[in-house]
Amino acid sequence: MRITNKDAENVRVFERKIIRRIYGPKKINEDQYQRLTNQEIRETLNGYAIVKEIKSKRIRWYGHINRKDEELITRKITKWKPQESEPKGRPQLRWEDQVANDVRAMGITE
């Protein structure tokens, strides 16, 4: 299953919501509290992002599948292409295409 930009943004929003719950509000004065900002959350996570983790795991899985024997069902499914004609319009981005885009974006050359 591929992840759309909307899905990725929904995951980021959920991640920030959970981090806010874990860390709670920051204390400004004796009786004033303020919610953590997105920038403060990014600084707290030190560059870790769940979407990056998902993409790296997808690339690892793709490498794992490509090392398997050609006769195994998981390898056959990832290489399978439908025989029927495609509908009009722009073709949908496939999972394999998204992996290639992730590899290119991360600068992996192997």
PDB file of N, CA and C in Angstrom:
ATOM      1  N   MET A   1       0.838  -1.170   0.000  1.00  0.00           N
ATOM      2  CA  MET A   1       0.000   0.000   0.000  1.00  0.00           C
ATOM      3  C   MET A   1       0.888   1.239   0.000  1.00  0.00           C
ATOM      4  N   ARG A   2       0.555   2.178  -0.832  1.00  0.00           N
ATOM      5  CA  ARG A   2       1.368   3.383  -0.904  1.00  0.00           C
ATOM      6  C   ARG A   2       0.787   4.456   0.009  1.00  0.00           C
ATOM      7  N   ILE A   3       1.613   5.442   0.355  1.00  0.00           N
ATOM      8  CA  ILE A   3       1.198   6.516   1.251  1.00  0.00           C
ATOM      9  C   ILE A   3       1.075   7.802   0.446  1.00  0.00           C
ATOM     10  N   THR A   4      -0.091   8.400   0.447  1.00  0.00           N
ATOM     11  CA  THR A   4      -0.294   9.663  -0.251  1.00  0.00           C
ATOM     12  C   THR A   4       0.215  10.806   0.622  1.00  0.00           C
ATOM     13  N   ASN A   5       0.319  11.980   0.037  1.00  0.00           N
ATOM     14  CA  ASN A   5       0.742  13.159   0.803  1.00  0.00           C
ATOM     15  C   ASN A   5      -0.238  13.450   1.931  1.00  0.00           C
ATOM     16  N   LYS A   6      -1.513  13.247   1.672  1.00  0.00           N
ATOM     17  CA  LYS A   6      -2.527  13.475   2.702  1.00  0.00           C
ATOM     18  C   LYS A   6      -2.355  12.485   3.855  1.00  0.00           C
ATOM     19  N   ASP A   7      -2.071  11.221   3.528  1.00  0.00           N
ATOM     20  CA  ASP A   7      -1.821  10.222   4.566  1.00  0.00           C
ATOM     21  C   ASP A   7      -0.606  10.596   5.403  1.00  0.00           C
ATOM     22  N   ALA A   8       0.461  11.036   4.731  1.00  0.00           N
ATOM     23  CA  ALA A   8       1.688  11.426   5.439  1.00  0.00           C
ATOM     24  C   ALA A   8       1.420  12.603   6.373  1.00  0.00           C
ATOM     25  N   GLU A   9       0.655  13.568   5.912  1.00  0.00           N
ATOM     26  CA  GLU A   9       0.345  14.726   6.751  1.00  0.00           C
ATOM     27  C   GLU A   9      -0.517  14.312   7.940  1.00  0.00           C
ATOM     28  N   ASN A  10      -1.469  13.418   7.726  1.00  0.00           N
ATOM     29  CA  ASN A  10      -2.294  12.920   8.829  1.00  0.00           C
ATOM     30  C   ASN A  10      -1.441  12.200   9.884  1.00  0.00           C
ATOM     31  N   VAL A  11      -0.437  11.447   9.442  1.00  0.00           N
ATOM     32  CA  VAL A  11       0.458  10.765  10.370  1.00  0.00           C
ATOM     33  C   VAL A  11       1.277  11.788  11.150  1.00  0.00           C
ATOM     34  N   ARG A  12       1.767  12.837  10.472  1.00  0.00           N
ATOM     35  CA  ARG A  12       2.534  13.889  11.157  1.00  0.00           C
ATOM     36  C   ARG A  12       1.686  14.606  12.218  1.00  0.00           C
ATOM     37  N   VAL A  13       0.435  14.897  11.872  1.00  0.00           N
ATOM     38  CA  VAL A  13      -0.471  15.553  12.817  1.00  0.00           C
ATOM     39  C   VAL A  13      -0.687  14.657  14.036  1.00  0.00           C
ATOM     40  N   PHE A  14      -0.915  13.383  13.795  1.00  0.00           N
ATOM     41  CA  PHE A  14      -1.109  12.431  14.898  1.00  0.00           C
ATOM     42  C   PHE A  14       0.145  12.349  15.765  1.00  0.00           C
ATOM     43  N   GLU A  15       1.316  12.322  15.124  1.00  0.00           N
ATOM     44  CA  GLU A  15       2.573  12.259  15.865  1.00  0.00           C
ATOM     45  C   GLU A  15       2.724  13.475  16.788  1.00  0.00           C
ATOM     46  N   ARG A  16       2.449  14.674  16.263  1.00  0.00           N
ATOM     47  CA  ARG A  16       2.545  15.885  17.086  1.00  0.00           C
ATOM     48  C   ARG A  16       1.539  15.864  18.235  1.00  0.00           C
ATOM     49  N   LYS A  17       0.348  15.351  17.968  1.00  0.00           N
ATOM     50  CA  LYS A  17      -0.683  15.265  19.007  1.00  0.00           C
ATOM     51  C   LYS A  17      -0.230  14.357  20.144  1.00  0.00           C
ATOM     52  N   ILE A  18       0.370  13.226  19.805  1.00  0.00           N
ATOM     53  CA  ILE A  18       0.841  12.282  20.820  1.00  0.00           C
ATOM     54  C   ILE A  18       2.004  12.875  21.612  1.00  0.00           C
ATOM     55  N   ILE A  19       2.924  13.551  20.930  1.00  0.00           N
ATOM     56  CA  ILE A  19       4.062  14.173  21.620  1.00  0.00           C
ATOM     57  C   ILE A  19       3.567  15.244  22.579  1.00  0.00           C
ATOM     58  N   ARG A  20       2.583  16.026  22.170  1.00  0.00           N
ATOM     59  CA  ARG A  20       2.013  17.042  23.070  1.00  0.00           C
ATOM     60  C   ARG A  20       1.400  16.391  24.305  1.00  0.00           C
ATOM     61  N   ARG A  21       0.769  15.253  24.116  1.00  0.00           N
ATOM     62  CA  ARG A  21       0.178  14.543  25.245  1.00  0.00           C
ATOM     63  C   ARG A  21       1.248  14.002  26.180  1.00  0.00           C
ATOM     64  N   ILE A  22       2.330  13.474  25.601  1.00  0.00           N
ATOM     65  CA  ILE A  22       3.390  12.885  26.419  1.00  0.00           C
ATOM     66  C   ILE A  22       4.103  13.962  27.236  1.00  0.00           C
ATOM     67  N   TYR A  23       4.506  15.044  26.583  1.00  0.00           N
ATOM     68  CA  TYR A  23       5.273  16.085  27.262  1.00  0.00           C
ATOM     69  C   TYR A  23       4.409  17.062  28.051  1.00  0.00           C
ATOM     70  N   GLY A  24       3.157  17.202  27.664  1.00  0.00           N
ATOM     71  CA  GLY A  24       2.259  18.117  28.363  1.00  0.00           C
ATOM     72  C   GLY A  24       2.593  19.569  28.056  1.00  0.00           C
ATOM     73  N   PRO A  25       1.840  20.496  28.631  1.00  0.00           N
ATOM     74  CA  PRO A  25       2.101  21.918  28.359  1.00  0.00           C
ATOM     75  C   PRO A  25       3.343  22.390  29.118  1.00  0.00           C
ATOM     76  N   LYS A  26       3.964  23.456  28.595  1.00  0.00           N
ATOM     77  CA  LYS A  26       5.124  24.020  29.298  1.00  0.00           C
ATOM     78  C   LYS A  26       4.636  25.134  30.221  1.00  0.00           C
ATOM     79  N   LYS A  27       5.304  25.267  31.336  1.00  0.00           N
ATOM     80  CA  LYS A  27       4.910  26.237  32.344  1.00  0.00           C
ATOM     81  C   LYS A  27       5.583  27.569  32.036  1.00  0.00           C
ATOM     82  N   ILE A  28       4.781  28.634  31.927  1.00  0.00           N
ATOM     83  CA  ILE A  28       5.311  29.969  31.650  1.00  0.00           C
ATOM     84  C   ILE A  28       5.489  30.727  32.957  1.00  0.00           C
ATOM     85  N   ASN A  29       4.443  30.847  33.718  1.00  0.00           N
ATOM     86  CA  ASN A  29       4.452  31.510  35.026  1.00  0.00           C
ATOM     87  C   ASN A  29       3.944  30.532  36.071  1.00  0.00           C
ATOM     88  N   GLU A  30       3.683  31.064  37.248  1.00  0.00           N
ATOM     89  CA  GLU A  30       3.183  30.234  38.338  1.00  0.00           C
ATOM     90  C   GLU A  30       1.844  29.583  37.989  1.00  0.00           C
ATOM     91  N   ASP A  31       0.990  30.319  37.294  1.00  0.00           N
ATOM     92  CA  ASP A  31      -0.340  29.796  36.992  1.00  0.00           C
ATOM     93  C   ASP A  31      -0.659  29.823  35.494  1.00  0.00           C
ATOM     94  N   GLN A  32       0.355  29.960  34.641  1.00  0.00           N
ATOM     95  CA  GLN A  32       0.120  29.982  33.195  1.00  0.00           C
ATOM     96  C   GLN A  32       0.884  28.849  32.516  1.00  0.00           C
ATOM     97  N   TYR A  33       0.181  28.206  31.607  1.00  0.00           N
ATOM     98  CA  TYR A  33       0.765  27.119  30.822  1.00  0.00           C
ATOM     99  C   TYR A  33       0.535  27.406  29.348  1.00  0.00           C
ATOM    100  N   GLN A  34       1.430  26.879  28.505  1.00  0.00           N
ATOM    101  CA  GLN A  34       1.287  27.067  27.058  1.00  0.00           C
ATOM    102  C   GLN A  34       1.541  25.735  26.355  1.00  0.00           C
ATOM    103  N   ARG A  35       0.766  25.493  25.332  1.00  0.00           N
ATOM    104  CA  ARG A  35       0.905  24.283  24.534  1.00  0.00           C
ATOM    105  C   ARG A  35       2.213  24.328  23.758  1.00  0.00           C
ATOM    106  N   LEU A  36       2.846  23.177  23.563  1.00  0.00           N
ATOM    107  CA  LEU A  36       4.084  23.119  22.780  1.00  0.00           C
ATOM    108  C   LEU A  36       3.803  23.478  21.322  1.00  0.00           C
ATOM    109  N   THR A  37       4.684  24.262  20.708  1.00  0.00           N
ATOM    110  CA  THR A  37       4.534  24.611  19.297  1.00  0.00           C
ATOM    111  C   THR A  37       5.137  23.502  18.443  1.00  0.00           C
ATOM    112  N   ASN A  38       4.831  23.527  17.151  1.00  0.00           N
ATOM    113  CA  ASN A  38       5.385  22.531  16.235  1.00  0.00           C
ATOM    114  C   ASN A  38       6.907  22.611  16.202  1.00  0.00           C
ATOM    115  N   GLN A  39       7.450  23.834  16.238  1.00  0.00           N
ATOM    116  CA  GLN A  39       8.905  24.012  16.230  1.00  0.00           C
ATOM    117  C   GLN A  39       9.538  23.378  17.471  1.00  0.00           C
ATOM    118  N   GLU A  40       8.930  23.561  18.628  1.00  0.00           N
ATOM    119  CA  GLU A  40       9.444  22.966  19.858  1.00  0.00           C
ATOM    120  C   GLU A  40       9.389  21.439  19.799  1.00  0.00           C
ATOM    121  N   ILE A  41       8.360  20.924  19.169  1.00  0.00           N
ATOM    122  CA  ILE A  41       8.247  19.472  19.016  1.00  0.00           C
ATOM    123  C   ILE A  41       9.349  18.950  18.104  1.00  0.00           C
ATOM    124  N   ARG A  42       9.611  19.654  16.996  1.00  0.00           N
ATOM    125  CA  ARG A  42      10.700  19.245  16.088  1.00  0.00           C
ATOM    126  C   ARG A  42      12.044  19.252  16.808  1.00  0.00           C
ATOM    127  N   GLU A  43      12.281  20.270  17.624  1.00  0.00           N
ATOM    128  CA  GLU A  43      13.534  20.345  18.384  1.00  0.00           C
ATOM    129  C   GLU A  43      13.615  19.207  19.411  1.00  0.00           C
ATOM    130  N   THR A  44      12.509  18.867  20.011  1.00  0.00           N
ATOM    131  CA  THR A  44      12.474  17.784  20.989  1.00  0.00           C
ATOM    132  C   THR A  44      12.799  16.445  20.339  1.00  0.00           C
ATOM    133  N   LEU A  45      12.296  16.231  19.125  1.00  0.00           N
ATOM    134  CA  LEU A  45      12.493  14.950  18.435  1.00  0.00           C
ATOM    135  C   LEU A  45      13.866  14.835  17.775  1.00  0.00           C
ATOM    136  N   ASN A  46      14.632  15.914  17.701  1.00  0.00           N
ATOM    137  CA  ASN A  46      15.982  15.904  17.115  1.00  0.00           C
ATOM    138  C   ASN A  46      16.031  15.311  15.711  1.00  0.00           C
ATOM    139  N   GLY A  47      15.111  15.705  14.860  1.00  0.00           N
ATOM    140  CA  GLY A  47      15.120  15.254  13.468  1.00  0.00           C
ATOM    141  C   GLY A  47      14.413  13.939  13.217  1.00  0.00           C
ATOM    142  N   TYR A  48      13.996  13.231  14.266  1.00  0.00           N
ATOM    143  CA  TYR A  48      13.255  11.993  14.065  1.00  0.00           C
ATOM    144  C   TYR A  48      11.850  12.326  13.591  1.00  0.00           C
ATOM    145  N   ALA A  49      11.407  11.650  12.553  1.00  0.00           N
ATOM    146  CA  ALA A  49      10.042  11.832  12.060  1.00  0.00           C
ATOM    147  C   ALA A  49       9.483  10.469  11.674  1.00  0.00           C
ATOM    148  N   ILE A  50       8.259  10.238  12.016  1.00  0.00           N
ATOM    149  CA  ILE A  50       7.642   8.939  11.768  1.00  0.00           C
ATOM    150  C   ILE A  50       7.522   8.659  10.268  1.00  0.00           C
ATOM    151  N   VAL A  51       7.297   9.687   9.454  1.00  0.00           N
ATOM    152  CA  VAL A  51       7.159   9.482   8.010  1.00  0.00           C
ATOM    153  C   VAL A  51       8.498   9.031   7.422  1.00  0.00           C
ATOM    154  N   LYS A  52       9.604   9.607   7.898  1.00  0.00           N
ATOM    155  CA  LYS A  52      10.930   9.148   7.456  1.00  0.00           C
ATOM    156  C   LYS A  52      11.152   7.691   7.828  1.00  0.00           C
ATOM    157  N   GLU A  53      10.718   7.336   9.008  1.00  0.00           N
ATOM    158  CA  GLU A  53      10.865   5.955   9.474  1.00  0.00           C
ATOM    159  C   GLU A  53      10.058   5.001   8.597  1.00  0.00           C
ATOM    160  N   ILE A  54       8.851   5.395   8.237  1.00  0.00           N
ATOM    161  CA  ILE A  54       8.013   4.566   7.366  1.00  0.00           C
ATOM    162  C   ILE A  54       8.686   4.379   6.014  1.00  0.00           C
ATOM    163  N   LYS A  55       9.230   5.456   5.459  1.00  0.00           N
ATOM    164  CA  LYS A  55       9.892   5.368   4.157  1.00  0.00           C
ATOM    165  C   LYS A  55      11.132   4.489   4.213  1.00  0.00           C
ATOM    166  N   SER A  56      11.919   4.612   5.271  1.00  0.00           N
ATOM    167  CA  SER A  56      13.129   3.782   5.362  1.00  0.00           C
ATOM    168  C   SER A  56      12.764   2.303   5.530  1.00  0.00           C
ATOM    169  N   LYS A  57      11.716   2.015   6.299  1.00  0.00           N
ATOM    170  CA  LYS A  57      11.276   0.626   6.449  1.00  0.00           C
ATOM    171  C   LYS A  57      10.744   0.068   5.137  1.00  0.00           C
ATOM    172  N   ARG A  58      10.072   0.903   4.340  1.00  0.00           N
ATOM    173  CA  ARG A  58       9.568   0.470   3.041  1.00  0.00           C
ATOM    174  C   ARG A  58      10.729   0.127   2.109  1.00  0.00           C
ATOM    175  N   ILE A  59      11.792   0.923   2.146  1.00  0.00           N
ATOM    176  CA  ILE A  59      12.968   0.657   1.316  1.00  0.00           C
ATOM    177  C   ILE A  59      13.647  -0.636   1.766  1.00  0.00           C
ATOM    178  N   ARG A  60      13.741  -0.844   3.083  1.00  0.00           N
ATOM    179  CA  ARG A  60      14.323  -2.091   3.594  1.00  0.00           C
ATOM    180  C   ARG A  60      13.508  -3.298   3.140  1.00  0.00           C
ATOM    181  N   TRP A  61      12.186  -3.184   3.194  1.00  0.00           N
ATOM    182  CA  TRP A  61      11.310  -4.283   2.775  1.00  0.00           C
ATOM    183  C   TRP A  61      11.496  -4.558   1.284  1.00  0.00           C
ATOM    184  N   TYR A  62      11.601  -3.519   0.491  1.00  0.00           N
ATOM    185  CA  TYR A  62      11.797  -3.678  -0.951  1.00  0.00           C
ATOM    186  C   TYR A  62      13.108  -4.419  -1.227  1.00  0.00           C
ATOM    187  N   GLY A  63      14.178  -4.050  -0.530  1.00  0.00           N
ATOM    188  CA  GLY A  63      15.449  -4.749  -0.685  1.00  0.00           C
ATOM    189  C   GLY A  63      15.343  -6.207  -0.265  1.00  0.00           C
ATOM    190  N   HIS A  64      14.620  -6.461   0.807  1.00  0.00           N
ATOM    191  CA  HIS A  64      14.411  -7.822   1.291  1.00  0.00           C
ATOM    192  C   HIS A  64      13.676  -8.654   0.241  1.00  0.00           C
ATOM    193  N   ILE A  65      12.643  -8.096  -0.341  1.00  0.00           N
ATOM    194  CA  ILE A  65      11.864  -8.810  -1.357  1.00  0.00           C
ATOM    195  C   ILE A  65      12.705  -9.066  -2.609  1.00  0.00           C
ATOM    196  N   ASN A  66      13.502  -8.086  -3.019  1.00  0.00           N
ATOM    197  CA  ASN A  66      14.315  -8.250  -4.234  1.00  0.00           C
ATOM    198  C   ASN A  66      15.425  -9.286  -4.075  1.00  0.00           C
ATOM    199  N   ARG A  67      15.829  -9.589  -2.855  1.00  0.00           N
ATOM    200  CA  ARG A  67      16.845 -10.620  -2.640  1.00  0.00           C
ATOM    201  C   ARG A  67      16.242 -12.022  -2.629  1.00  0.00           C
ATOM    202  N   LYS A  68      14.954 -12.127  -2.534  1.00  0.00           N
ATOM    203  CA  LYS A  68      14.294 -13.433  -2.471  1.00  0.00           C
ATOM    204  C   LYS A  68      14.291 -14.108  -3.839  1.00  0.00           C
ATOM    205  N   ASP A  69      13.993 -15.392  -3.821  1.00  0.00           N
ATOM    206  CA  ASP A  69      13.915 -16.194  -5.032  1.00  0.00           C
ATOM    207  C   ASP A  69      12.751 -15.730  -5.903  1.00  0.00           C
ATOM    208  N   GLU A  70      12.930 -15.796  -7.215  1.00  0.00           N
ATOM    209  CA  GLU A  70      11.911 -15.355  -8.173  1.00  0.00           C
ATOM    210  C   GLU A  70      10.601 -16.129  -8.053  1.00  0.00           C
ATOM    211  N   GLU A  71      10.645 -17.353  -7.557  1.00  0.00           N
ATOM    212  CA  GLU A  71       9.458 -18.205  -7.506  1.00  0.00           C
ATOM    213  C   GLU A  71       8.562 -17.952  -6.296  1.00  0.00           C
ATOM    214  N   LEU A  72       9.024 -17.198  -5.313  1.00  0.00           N
ATOM    215  CA  LEU A  72       8.210 -16.955  -4.121  1.00  0.00           C
ATOM    216  C   LEU A  72       7.080 -15.976  -4.421  1.00  0.00           C
ATOM    217  N   ILE A  73       5.961 -16.160  -3.746  1.00  0.00           N
ATOM    218  CA  ILE A  73       4.751 -15.397  -4.027  1.00  0.00           C
ATOM    219  C   ILE A  73       4.924 -13.903  -3.750  1.00  0.00           C
ATOM    220  N   THR A  74       5.676 -13.536  -2.707  1.00  0.00           N
ATOM    221  CA  THR A  74       5.858 -12.109  -2.418  1.00  0.00           C
ATOM    222  C   THR A  74       6.605 -11.410  -3.542  1.00  0.00           C
ATOM    223  N   ARG A  75       7.568 -12.088  -4.114  1.00  0.00           N
ATOM    224  CA  ARG A  75       8.323 -11.510  -5.239  1.00  0.00           C
ATOM    225  C   ARG A  75       7.438 -11.416  -6.481  1.00  0.00           C
ATOM    226  N   LYS A  76       6.635 -12.440  -6.718  1.00  0.00           N
ATOM    227  CA  LYS A  76       5.733 -12.432  -7.875  1.00  0.00           C
ATOM    228  C   LYS A  76       4.715 -11.300  -7.767  1.00  0.00           C
ATOM    229  N   ILE A  77       4.180 -11.087  -6.569  1.00  0.00           N
ATOM    230  CA  ILE A  77       3.160 -10.055  -6.381  1.00  0.00           C
ATOM    231  C   ILE A  77       3.735  -8.668  -6.623  1.00  0.00           C
ATOM    232  N   THR A  78       4.954  -8.404  -6.162  1.00  0.00           N
ATOM    233  CA  THR A  78       5.526  -7.067  -6.347  1.00  0.00           C
ATOM    234  C   THR A  78       5.889  -6.802  -7.798  1.00  0.00           C
ATOM    235  N   LYS A  79       6.169  -7.843  -8.564  1.00  0.00           N
ATOM    236  CA  LYS A  79       6.532  -7.657  -9.973  1.00  0.00           C
ATOM    237  C   LYS A  79       5.340  -7.778 -10.925  1.00  0.00           C
ATOM    238  N   TRP A  80       4.173  -8.174 -10.419  1.00  0.00           N
ATOM    239  CA  TRP A  80       3.011  -8.413 -11.254  1.00  0.00           C
ATOM    240  C   TRP A  80       2.461  -7.112 -11.834  1.00  0.00           C
ATOM    241  N   LYS A  81       2.091  -7.159 -13.102  1.00  0.00           N
ATOM    242  CA  LYS A  81       1.462  -6.021 -13.772  1.00  0.00           C
ATOM    243  C   LYS A  81       0.136  -6.510 -14.364  1.00  0.00           C
ATOM    244  N   PRO A  82      -0.944  -5.748 -14.217  1.00  0.00           N
ATOM    245  CA  PRO A  82      -2.244  -6.197 -14.735  1.00  0.00           C
ATOM    246  C   PRO A  82      -2.239  -6.254 -16.257  1.00  0.00           C
ATOM    247  N   GLN A  83      -3.003  -7.188 -16.820  1.00  0.00           N
ATOM    248  CA  GLN A  83      -3.071  -7.375 -18.264  1.00  0.00           C
ATOM    249  C   GLN A  83      -4.137  -6.493 -18.915  1.00  0.00           C
ATOM    250  N   GLU A  84      -5.105  -6.048 -18.143  1.00  0.00           N
ATOM    251  CA  GLU A  84      -6.187  -5.254 -18.723  1.00  0.00           C
ATOM    252  C   GLU A  84      -5.711  -3.844 -19.053  1.00  0.00           C
ATOM    253  N   SER A  85      -6.454  -3.168 -19.917  1.00  0.00           N
ATOM    254  CA  SER A  85      -6.062  -1.817 -20.318  1.00  0.00           C
ATOM    255  C   SER A  85      -6.284  -0.843 -19.163  1.00  0.00           C
ATOM    256  N   GLU A  86      -5.455   0.168 -19.115  1.00  0.00           N
ATOM    257  CA  GLU A  86      -5.540   1.148 -18.033  1.00  0.00           C
ATOM    258  C   GLU A  86      -6.591   2.206 -18.373  1.00  0.00           C
ATOM    259  N   PRO A  87      -7.219   2.782 -17.364  1.00  0.00           N
ATOM    260  CA  PRO A  87      -8.210   3.828 -17.619  1.00  0.00           C
ATOM    261  C   PRO A  87      -7.533   5.099 -18.143  1.00  0.00           C
ATOM    262  N   LYS A  88      -8.353   5.971 -18.714  1.00  0.00           N
ATOM    263  CA  LYS A  88      -7.820   7.229 -19.237  1.00  0.00           C
ATOM    264  C   LYS A  88      -7.313   8.101 -18.103  1.00  0.00           C
ATOM    265  N   GLY A  89      -6.410   8.995 -18.442  1.00  0.00           N
ATOM    266  CA  GLY A  89      -5.878   9.916 -17.447  1.00  0.00           C
ATOM    267  C   GLY A  89      -4.495   9.518 -16.970  1.00  0.00           C
ATOM    268  N   ARG A  90      -4.012  10.254 -16.003  1.00  0.00           N
ATOM    269  CA  ARG A  90      -2.682   9.994 -15.471  1.00  0.00           C
ATOM    270  C   ARG A  90      -2.675   8.667 -14.711  1.00  0.00           C
ATOM    271  N   PRO A  91      -1.685   7.816 -14.964  1.00  0.00           N
ATOM    272  CA  PRO A  91      -1.640   6.554 -14.233  1.00  0.00           C
ATOM    273  C   PRO A  91      -1.374   6.781 -12.750  1.00  0.00           C
ATOM    274  N   GLN A  92      -1.956   5.940 -11.925  1.00  0.00           N
ATOM    275  CA  GLN A  92      -1.761   6.054 -10.487  1.00  0.00           C
ATOM    276  C   GLN A  92      -0.336   5.659 -10.130  1.00  0.00           C
ATOM    277  N   LEU A  93       0.185   6.286  -9.098  1.00  0.00           N
ATOM    278  CA  LEU A  93       1.517   5.973  -8.612  1.00  0.00           C
ATOM    279  C   LEU A  93       1.468   4.619  -7.915  1.00  0.00           C
ATOM    280  N   ARG A  94       2.327   3.706  -8.353  1.00  0.00           N
ATOM    281  CA  ARG A  94       2.366   2.383  -7.747  1.00  0.00           C
ATOM    282  C   ARG A  94       3.318   2.378  -6.557  1.00  0.00           C
ATOM    283  N   TRP A  95       3.227   1.324  -5.756  1.00  0.00           N
ATOM    284  CA  TRP A  95       4.075   1.185  -4.586  1.00  0.00           C
ATOM    285  C   TRP A  95       5.547   1.186  -4.990  1.00  0.00           C
ATOM    286  N   GLU A  96       5.865   0.469  -6.046  1.00  0.00           N
ATOM    287  CA  GLU A  96       7.250   0.377  -6.525  1.00  0.00           C
ATOM    288  C   GLU A  96       7.765   1.741  -6.992  1.00  0.00           C
ATOM    289  N   ASP A  97       6.900   2.527  -7.628  1.00  0.00           N
ATOM    290  CA  ASP A  97       7.276   3.879  -8.038  1.00  0.00           C
ATOM    291  C   ASP A  97       7.555   4.759  -6.822  1.00  0.00           C
ATOM    292  N   GLN A  98       6.753   4.607  -5.788  1.00  0.00           N
ATOM    293  CA  GLN A  98       6.950   5.398  -4.580  1.00  0.00           C
ATOM    294  C   GLN A  98       8.257   5.023  -3.885  1.00  0.00           C
ATOM    295  N   VAL A  99       8.615   3.743  -3.903  1.00  0.00           N
ATOM    296  CA  VAL A  99       9.894   3.317  -3.334  1.00  0.00           C
ATOM    297  C   VAL A  99      11.038   3.953  -4.112  1.00  0.00           C
ATOM    298  N   ALA A 100      10.940   3.958  -5.437  1.00  0.00           N
ATOM    299  CA  ALA A 100      11.986   4.576  -6.268  1.00  0.00           C
ATOM    300  C   ALA A 100      12.103   6.074  -5.957  1.00  0.00           C
ATOM    301  N   ASN A 101      10.984   6.752  -5.768  1.00  0.00           N
ATOM    302  CA  ASN A 101      11.014   8.173  -5.408  1.00  0.00           C
ATOM    303  C   ASN A 101      11.655   8.378  -4.041  1.00  0.00           C
ATOM    304  N   ASP A 102      11.363   7.502  -3.080  1.00  0.00           N
ATOM    305  CA  ASP A 102      11.953   7.601  -1.751  1.00  0.00           C
ATOM    306  C   ASP A 102      13.466   7.407  -1.803  1.00  0.00           C
ATOM    307  N   VAL A 103      13.905   6.439  -2.591  1.00  0.00           N
ATOM    308  CA  VAL A 103      15.341   6.179  -2.737  1.00  0.00           C
ATOM    309  C   VAL A 103      16.027   7.406  -3.342  1.00  0.00           C
ATOM    310  N   ARG A 104      15.411   7.967  -4.361  1.00  0.00           N
ATOM    311  CA  ARG A 104      15.974   9.153  -5.015  1.00  0.00           C
ATOM    312  C   ARG A 104      16.014  10.339  -4.049  1.00  0.00           C
ATOM    313  N   ALA A 105      14.951  10.538  -3.283  1.00  0.00           N
ATOM    314  CA  ALA A 105      14.875  11.666  -2.349  1.00  0.00           C
ATOM    315  C   ALA A 105      15.875  11.519  -1.211  1.00  0.00           C
ATOM    316  N   MET A 106      16.147  10.292  -0.773  1.00  0.00           N
ATOM    317  CA  MET A 106      17.094  10.070   0.318  1.00  0.00           C
ATOM    318  C   MET A 106      18.543  10.048  -0.160  1.00  0.00           C
ATOM    319  N   GLY A 107      18.736  10.036  -1.481  1.00  0.00           N
ATOM    320  CA  GLY A 107      20.096  10.065  -2.028  1.00  0.00           C
ATOM    321  C   GLY A 107      20.811   8.732  -1.946  1.00  0.00           C
ATOM    322  N   ILE A 108      20.074   7.630  -1.958  1.00  0.00           N
ATOM    323  CA  ILE A 108      20.683   6.297  -1.903  1.00  0.00           C
ATOM    324  C   ILE A 108      21.080   5.914  -3.312  1.00  0.00           C
ATOM    325  N   THR A 109      22.331   5.490  -3.494  1.00  0.00           N
ATOM    326  CA  THR A 109      22.821   5.187  -4.846  1.00  0.00           C
ATOM    327  C   THR A 109      22.914   3.700  -5.131  1.00  0.00           C
ATOM    328  N   GLU A 110      22.900   2.854  -4.113  1.00  0.00           N
ATOM    329  CA  GLU A 110      23.051   1.421  -4.334  1.00  0.00           C
ATOM    330  C   GLU A 110      21.734   0.765  -4.640  1.00  0.00           C
TER     331      GLU A 110
END
